[in-house]
Amino acid sequence: MKTAYKFRLYPNRQQEAQLALTLDTCRNLWNKALADRKNAWEREGITRSYEDQAALLVFEKQSNPYLNAVHSQVEQDVLRRLQKFSRQAWESEPSD
């Protein structure tokens, strides 16, 4: 038998600010990476992979201080989820 647990978090103000910063940074990273994939496809006809964007993330972290405030594993997970989303969206598109 499987058991499920539900937890409620009660962050203090500092933790709330850190969570908000993390979520905002992840949202911006998702949008920027999605725009990069779209532009690469429209301009060059190529698809960006997770590996391509993870390599670009290293350079982005040097110029964007908000990316340094979030753990790199979290940012990599955002890119992995975008890869999964893109793959599912591509497979579900109806072909004419």
Protein backbone atom coordinates (compact mmCIF):
# COMPACT_ATOMS: atom_id res chain seq x y z
CA MET A 1 0.00 0.00 0.00
CA LYS A 2 1.32 3.43 -0.96
CA THR A 3 1.14 6.27 1.51
CA ALA A 4 0.99 9.91 0.53
CA TYR A 5 2.08 12.79 2.71
CA LYS A 6 1.09 16.39 2.34
CA PHE A 7 3.21 19.18 3.79
CA ARG A 8 2.41 22.85 4.22
CA LEU A 9 5.26 25.34 4.20
CA TYR A 10 5.24 28.48 6.29
CA PRO A 11 8.24 30.46 5.02
CA ASN A 12 9.39 33.61 6.75
CA ARG A 13 9.79 36.86 4.80
CA GLN A 14 13.37 36.17 3.78
CA GLN A 15 12.47 32.69 2.55
CA GLU A 16 9.46 34.07 0.68
CA ALA A 17 11.73 36.57 -1.06
CA GLN A 18 14.19 33.83 -2.01
CA LEU A 19 11.39 31.60 -3.33
CA ALA A 20 9.98 34.48 -5.36
CA LEU A 21 13.42 35.24 -6.81
CA THR A 22 13.95 31.58 -7.70
CA LEU A 23 10.56 31.23 -9.37
CA ASP A 24 11.00 34.51 -11.25
CA THR A 25 14.45 33.48 -12.46
CA CYS A 26 13.16 30.08 -13.59
CA ARG A 27 10.26 31.70 -15.44
CA ASN A 28 12.61 34.11 -17.21
CA LEU A 29 15.00 31.28 -18.09
CA TRP A 30 12.13 29.20 -19.52
CA ASN A 31 10.86 32.10 -21.63
CA LYS A 32 14.35 33.00 -22.88
CA ALA A 33 15.21 29.39 -23.73
CA LEU A 34 11.86 28.91 -25.49
CA ALA A 35 12.43 32.09 -27.52
CA ASP A 36 15.94 30.84 -28.39
CA ARG A 37 14.50 27.54 -29.66
CA LYS A 38 11.84 29.37 -31.68
CA ASN A 39 14.34 31.80 -33.21
CA ALA A 40 16.80 29.02 -34.07
CA TRP A 41 14.05 27.14 -35.88
CA GLU A 42 12.66 30.17 -37.72
CA ARG A 43 15.99 31.71 -38.75
CA GLU A 44 18.25 28.72 -39.28
CA GLY A 45 15.89 25.75 -39.47
CA ILE A 46 17.72 23.97 -36.65
CA THR A 47 16.49 22.64 -33.34
CA ARG A 48 18.19 23.41 -30.05
CA SER A 49 18.77 20.53 -27.70
CA TYR A 50 19.12 20.51 -23.93
CA GLU A 51 22.89 20.13 -24.34
CA ASP A 52 23.09 23.21 -26.60
CA GLN A 53 21.16 25.35 -24.17
CA ALA A 54 22.97 24.01 -21.09
CA ALA A 55 26.26 25.06 -22.72
CA LEU A 56 24.82 28.53 -23.38
CA LEU A 57 23.65 28.73 -19.77
CA VAL A 58 27.28 28.81 -18.61
CA PHE A 59 27.87 32.01 -20.59
CA GLU A 60 24.54 33.51 -19.53
CA LYS A 61 25.43 33.04 -15.86
CA GLN A 62 28.48 35.27 -16.34
CA SER A 63 26.37 38.22 -17.47
CA ASN A 64 23.16 37.71 -15.49
CA PRO A 65 23.51 38.01 -11.69
CA TYR A 66 20.04 36.57 -11.09
CA LEU A 67 21.09 33.25 -12.61
CA ASN A 68 23.91 33.05 -10.07
CA ALA A 69 21.40 33.37 -7.21
CA VAL A 70 19.73 30.08 -8.21
CA HIS A 71 21.38 26.67 -7.99
CA SER A 72 22.59 25.41 -11.35
CA GLN A 73 20.75 22.08 -10.93
CA VAL A 74 17.46 23.99 -10.74
CA GLU A 75 18.28 25.89 -13.92
CA GLN A 76 19.31 22.68 -15.67
CA ASP A 77 16.02 21.11 -14.63
CA VAL A 78 14.16 24.02 -16.25
CA LEU A 79 16.00 23.30 -19.50
CA ARG A 80 15.31 19.55 -19.21
CA ARG A 81 11.61 20.23 -18.70
CA LEU A 82 11.61 22.55 -21.72
CA GLN A 83 13.26 19.78 -23.78
CA LYS A 84 10.57 17.34 -22.66
CA PHE A 85 7.81 19.87 -23.39
CA SER A 86 9.24 20.61 -26.86
CA ARG A 87 9.50 16.94 -27.71
CA GLN A 88 5.89 16.29 -26.63
CA ALA A 89 4.60 19.35 -28.49
CA TRP A 90 6.45 18.32 -31.65
CA GLU A 91 5.08 14.75 -31.51
CA SER A 92 1.51 15.89 -30.89
CA GLU A 93 1.39 18.31 -33.84
CA PRO A 94 -0.98 17.07 -36.52
CA SER A 95 0.70 16.54 -39.87
CA ASP A 96 -1.16 17.77 -42.95
